Amino acid sequence: MIVRNIAGYRPGKNYMGTFGYPLVFTLAENEQESPWEPFHVEHGFDRSASTVTLGITNNWGPAPAPYAPSTTGDKSGAQTTLEILCRELPKKVRLYSFPGRGPKTEKVMITLLISPPVARALANAGYSKRAVREYLYENARMPLREFEWISKYSTAKDRETVREKAEAGIFSEEYLGRPDDMVRILSSPDIVHIVVCGDPNRNRVMSFEGGHSQPTTKEIKLPRNWDELLAATRDPHPGRGLH
């Protein structure tokens, strides 16, 4: 509604997505069903505060459903979830900038949407949000050869090679390795943001990446006369006119 009514976006005029633009969405964190501390508390706000977080994403893909077959028992639901996410992250379109470090690189971020049942499975297996981030940082990898190909051919503006970035300190020294070396695709666990939300009865996870900015969280502060304003909107005769 904000994009259409305030920004005035109109298809074909200034709303120029090739296949439309499904990325404008709003969601609420399910604090009651989450086994972890709320997103805003992680970012330094008081638990009683109400906040809003604004971020961006460059992709919208399918939401995998972590599943642990009860007949085999070879993997827990938590382990399946973590391995699925490690497979999902390398598919993101701005992968070439994920490992960048320092002021010369673009800011990147990963936002994970995790439904309450999946979050509980992770928490019951002993994983905190921090532990999930650390797992992805250590295990989301791909062959250096493949990463070099993506960096070279998936973007028109990247002029430096992976080796040149590693030699300049933008990428870590592991990117100076051999073509078949498995390299990490995240620069730090801290670029991963986790939000528990969605259908409380479904096992779904979704990962978004944004390559231009980090999410910004602000506290919602109501005007002093909020109660008066709210009272003025209430119908003094509820139900009138309903049949």
Protein backbone atom coordinates (compact mmCIF):
# COMPACT_ATOMS: atom_id res chain seq x y z
CA MET A 1 0.00 0.00 0.00
CA ILE A 2 2.85 2.40 0.83
CA VAL A 3 4.58 1.70 -2.48
CA ARG A 4 1.39 2.22 -4.47
CA ASN A 5 -0.40 4.97 -2.55
CA ILE A 6 2.47 7.08 -1.22
CA ALA A 7 5.33 6.42 -3.64
CA GLY A 8 2.88 6.35 -6.54
CA TYR A 9 4.35 3.30 -8.29
CA ARG A 10 2.48 2.43 -11.47
CA PRO A 11 3.15 -0.61 -13.72
CA GLY A 12 4.92 0.35 -16.92
CA LYS A 13 5.60 3.89 -15.70
CA ASN A 14 7.91 3.71 -12.70
CA TYR A 15 7.16 0.16 -11.55
CA MET A 16 9.48 -1.54 -14.01
CA GLY A 17 9.99 -5.13 -12.81
CA THR A 18 10.30 -7.51 -15.76
CA PHE A 19 8.03 -10.11 -14.20
CA GLY A 20 6.27 -7.89 -11.72
CA TYR A 21 7.50 -7.08 -8.24
CA PRO A 22 6.42 -9.57 -5.56
CA LEU A 23 9.05 -8.49 -3.03
CA VAL A 24 7.10 -5.83 -1.14
CA PHE A 25 5.77 -7.63 1.90
CA THR A 26 5.08 -7.01 5.58
CA LEU A 27 5.15 -9.60 8.32
CA ALA A 28 5.01 -9.78 12.10
CA GLU A 29 7.38 -11.77 14.27
CA ASN A 30 5.63 -14.47 16.28
CA GLU A 31 7.19 -13.75 19.67
CA GLN A 32 4.79 -16.04 21.54
CA GLU A 33 5.71 -19.10 19.48
CA SER A 34 9.42 -18.34 19.20
CA PRO A 35 11.83 -20.26 21.45
CA TRP A 36 14.40 -17.48 21.13
CA GLU A 37 14.56 -13.86 22.18
CA PRO A 38 12.73 -11.43 19.86
CA PHE A 39 14.47 -9.79 16.91
CA HIS A 40 14.25 -6.31 18.43
CA VAL A 41 15.77 -7.45 21.73
CA GLU A 42 18.73 -8.86 19.79
CA HIS A 43 19.23 -5.39 18.39
CA GLY A 44 19.34 -3.60 21.72
CA PHE A 45 15.72 -2.64 22.34
CA ASP A 46 13.77 -3.27 25.53
CA ARG A 47 11.57 -6.35 25.42
CA SER A 48 8.45 -4.21 26.03
CA ALA A 49 9.24 -1.90 23.10
CA SER A 50 7.47 -2.11 19.76
CA THR A 51 9.70 -1.74 16.72
CA VAL A 52 9.57 -1.83 12.96
CA THR A 53 12.39 -3.11 10.77
CA LEU A 54 12.92 -2.09 7.16
CA GLY A 55 15.05 -4.17 4.83
CA ILE A 56 15.38 -5.19 1.20
CA THR A 57 15.76 -8.39 -0.76
CA ASN A 58 16.79 -9.17 -4.31
CA ASN A 59 15.07 -12.51 -4.51
CA TRP A 60 11.94 -14.42 -3.71
CA GLY A 61 12.09 -18.17 -4.13
CA PRO A 62 10.44 -21.36 -2.93
CA ALA A 63 10.20 -22.06 0.80
CA PRO A 64 11.78 -25.48 1.48
CA ALA A 65 10.11 -27.78 4.00
CA PRO A 66 12.69 -29.48 6.25
CA TYR A 67 11.71 -33.10 6.73
CA ALA A 68 13.33 -35.88 8.76
CA PRO A 69 12.02 -39.32 7.67
CA SER A 70 10.91 -41.20 10.74
CA THR A 71 11.66 -44.53 9.05
CA THR A 72 15.40 -43.97 8.67
CA GLY A 73 16.24 -41.74 11.61
CA ASP A 74 19.57 -40.81 10.03
CA LYS A 75 18.99 -37.05 10.46
CA SER A 76 17.03 -34.97 12.94
CA GLY A 77 14.68 -32.22 11.85
CA ALA A 78 17.17 -29.65 13.13
CA GLN A 79 20.06 -31.14 11.13
CA THR A 80 17.93 -31.34 8.00
CA THR A 81 16.98 -27.68 8.39
CA LEU A 82 20.58 -26.52 8.73
CA GLU A 83 21.73 -28.56 5.74
CA ILE A 84 18.86 -27.25 3.61
CA LEU A 85 19.81 -23.67 4.45
CA CYS A 86 23.45 -24.37 3.58
CA ARG A 87 22.26 -25.56 0.17
CA GLU A 88 19.93 -22.60 -0.30
CA LEU A 89 22.38 -19.78 0.42
CA PRO A 90 24.72 -20.47 -2.55
CA LYS A 91 21.77 -20.04 -4.92
CA LYS A 92 21.35 -16.33 -4.18
CA VAL A 93 21.90 -13.87 -7.00
CA ARG A 94 24.37 -11.59 -5.19
CA LEU A 95 26.52 -14.47 -4.02
CA TYR A 96 29.70 -12.88 -5.39
CA SER A 97 29.56 -10.10 -2.78
CA PHE A 98 28.70 -12.23 0.28
CA PRO A 99 32.29 -12.79 1.50
CA GLY A 100 33.33 -9.14 1.09
CA ARG A 101 34.88 -7.34 4.04
CA GLY A 102 35.73 -3.73 4.79
CA PRO A 103 34.52 -0.31 3.56
CA LYS A 104 35.17 -1.04 -0.11
CA THR A 105 32.53 -3.73 -0.29
CA GLU A 106 28.79 -3.40 -0.53
CA LYS A 107 26.80 -4.22 2.56
CA VAL A 108 25.10 -7.56 2.31
CA MET A 109 22.72 -9.37 4.57
CA ILE A 110 20.86 -12.66 4.79
CA THR A 111 17.43 -12.78 6.39
CA LEU A 112 16.04 -16.16 7.38
CA LEU A 113 12.30 -16.59 7.91
CA ILE A 114 11.74 -19.66 10.08
CA SER A 115 8.30 -20.98 10.97
CA PRO A 116 7.65 -21.70 14.68
CA PRO A 117 7.77 -25.53 14.43
CA VAL A 118 11.17 -25.41 12.74
CA ALA A 119 12.47 -22.88 15.26
CA ARG A 120 11.38 -25.15 18.11
CA ALA A 121 13.09 -28.15 16.51
CA LEU A 122 16.32 -26.18 16.30
CA ALA A 123 16.02 -24.89 19.86
CA ASN A 124 15.19 -28.36 21.22
CA ALA A 125 18.36 -29.65 19.55
CA GLY A 126 20.34 -27.04 21.45
CA TYR A 127 20.71 -24.39 18.74
CA SER A 128 20.44 -20.74 19.69
CA LYS A 129 20.14 -18.09 17.00
CA ARG A 130 23.88 -17.51 17.36
CA ALA A 131 24.57 -21.22 16.93
CA VAL A 132 22.47 -21.29 13.73
CA ARG A 133 24.45 -18.35 12.36
CA GLU A 134 27.76 -20.02 13.25
CA TYR A 135 26.70 -23.26 11.58
CA LEU A 136 25.80 -21.50 8.34
CA TYR A 137 29.01 -19.47 8.40
CA GLU A 138 31.13 -22.61 8.72
CA ASN A 139 29.17 -24.95 6.46
CA ALA A 140 27.61 -22.89 3.64
CA ARG A 141 30.37 -23.48 1.10
CA MET A 142 31.04 -24.10 -2.57
CA PRO A 143 34.07 -24.96 -4.72
CA LEU A 144 36.33 -21.97 -5.35
CA ARG A 145 36.17 -22.74 -9.07
CA GLU A 146 32.38 -22.29 -9.08
CA PHE A 147 32.54 -19.13 -6.99
CA GLU A 148 35.07 -17.62 -9.44
CA TRP A 149 32.74 -18.40 -12.35
CA ILE A 150 29.77 -16.76 -10.62
CA SER A 151 31.84 -13.71 -9.70
CA LYS A 152 33.09 -13.33 -13.27
CA TYR A 153 29.94 -13.98 -15.27
CA SER A 154 26.93 -13.22 -13.06
CA THR A 155 27.42 -9.44 -12.82
CA ALA A 156 28.38 -6.79 -15.32
CA LYS A 157 29.98 -4.41 -12.85
CA ASP A 158 32.49 -6.69 -11.09
CA ARG A 159 35.89 -5.80 -12.53
CA GLU A 160 38.20 -7.43 -9.96
CA THR A 161 38.83 -11.16 -9.94
CA VAL A 162 38.32 -13.24 -6.82
CA ARG A 163 42.10 -13.56 -6.43
CA GLU A 164 42.57 -9.79 -6.76
CA LYS A 165 39.95 -9.23 -4.07
CA ALA A 166 41.66 -11.74 -1.79
CA GLU A 167 45.05 -10.14 -2.36
CA ALA A 168 43.55 -6.72 -1.52
CA GLY A 169 42.05 -8.05 1.71
CA ILE A 170 38.45 -7.70 0.52
CA PHE A 171 38.05 -11.48 0.55
CA SER A 172 39.76 -13.75 3.07
CA GLU A 173 42.96 -15.65 2.27
CA GLU A 174 41.05 -18.89 1.70
CA TYR A 175 40.10 -17.44 -1.70
CA LEU A 176 43.75 -17.73 -2.73
CA GLY A 177 43.42 -21.51 -2.61
CA ARG A 178 43.05 -24.22 -5.22
CA PRO A 179 40.07 -24.40 -7.63
CA ASP A 180 38.50 -27.38 -5.87
CA ASP A 181 38.84 -25.96 -2.35
CA MET A 182 35.49 -25.55 -0.58
CA VAL A 183 35.28 -21.89 0.44
CA ARG A 184 32.85 -20.17 2.78
CA ILE A 185 30.34 -17.86 1.13
CA LEU A 186 29.60 -15.70 4.19
CA SER A 187 32.00 -13.08 5.52
CA SER A 188 30.67 -13.35 9.06
CA PRO A 189 27.88 -15.01 11.07
CA ASP A 190 26.67 -11.50 11.88
CA ILE A 191 25.25 -10.82 8.41
CA VAL A 192 22.56 -13.45 9.07
CA HIS A 193 19.29 -12.18 10.57
CA ILE A 194 16.70 -14.63 11.90
CA VAL A 195 12.96 -13.98 12.28
CA VAL A 196 10.45 -16.53 13.59
CA CYS A 197 7.18 -15.96 11.71
CA GLY A 198 4.68 -17.50 9.36
CA ASP A 199 2.15 -20.31 9.73
CA PRO A 200 2.60 -21.86 13.20
CA ASN A 201 1.48 -25.24 11.85
CA ARG A 202 3.85 -25.63 8.90
CA ASN A 203 7.53 -26.52 8.62
CA ARG A 204 8.98 -23.91 6.29
CA VAL A 205 12.17 -21.89 6.01
CA MET A 206 12.99 -19.11 3.58
CA SER A 207 16.17 -17.15 2.95
CA PHE A 208 16.44 -13.69 1.44
CA GLU A 209 19.54 -11.79 0.46
CA GLY A 210 19.99 -8.08 -0.03
CA GLY A 211 23.13 -6.53 -1.42
CA HIS A 212 22.67 -2.82 -0.87
CA SER A 213 22.01 -2.23 2.81
CA GLN A 214 21.60 -3.73 6.25
CA PRO A 215 18.14 -3.82 7.84
CA THR A 216 17.32 -0.82 10.02
CA THR A 217 15.22 -1.16 13.18
CA LYS A 218 13.45 1.79 14.81
CA GLU A 219 11.26 2.00 17.88
CA ILE A 220 7.61 2.88 17.37
CA LYS A 221 6.76 5.84 19.60
CA LEU A 222 3.11 6.72 19.91
CA PRO A 223 1.99 10.35 20.27
CA ARG A 224 1.11 11.51 23.79
CA ASN A 225 -2.57 11.79 22.93
CA TRP A 226 -2.69 8.31 21.39
CA ASP A 227 -5.54 7.14 23.63
CA GLU A 228 -7.62 10.13 22.59
CA LEU A 229 -6.88 9.55 18.93
CA LEU A 230 -7.76 5.89 19.27
CA ALA A 231 -10.99 6.67 21.11
CA ALA A 232 -12.02 9.09 18.37
CA THR A 233 -11.92 6.28 15.81
CA ARG A 234 -14.19 3.97 17.78
CA ASP A 235 -17.81 3.62 16.74
CA PRO A 236 -19.99 4.80 19.66
CA HIS A 237 -22.74 2.48 18.40
CA PRO A 238 -21.02 -0.80 17.42
CA GLY A 239 -23.17 -3.08 15.35
CA ARG A 240 -25.43 -0.32 14.00
CA GLY A 241 -26.21 -0.88 10.37
CA LEU A 242 -25.21 -4.54 10.46
CA HIS A 243 -27.80 -7.15 9.54
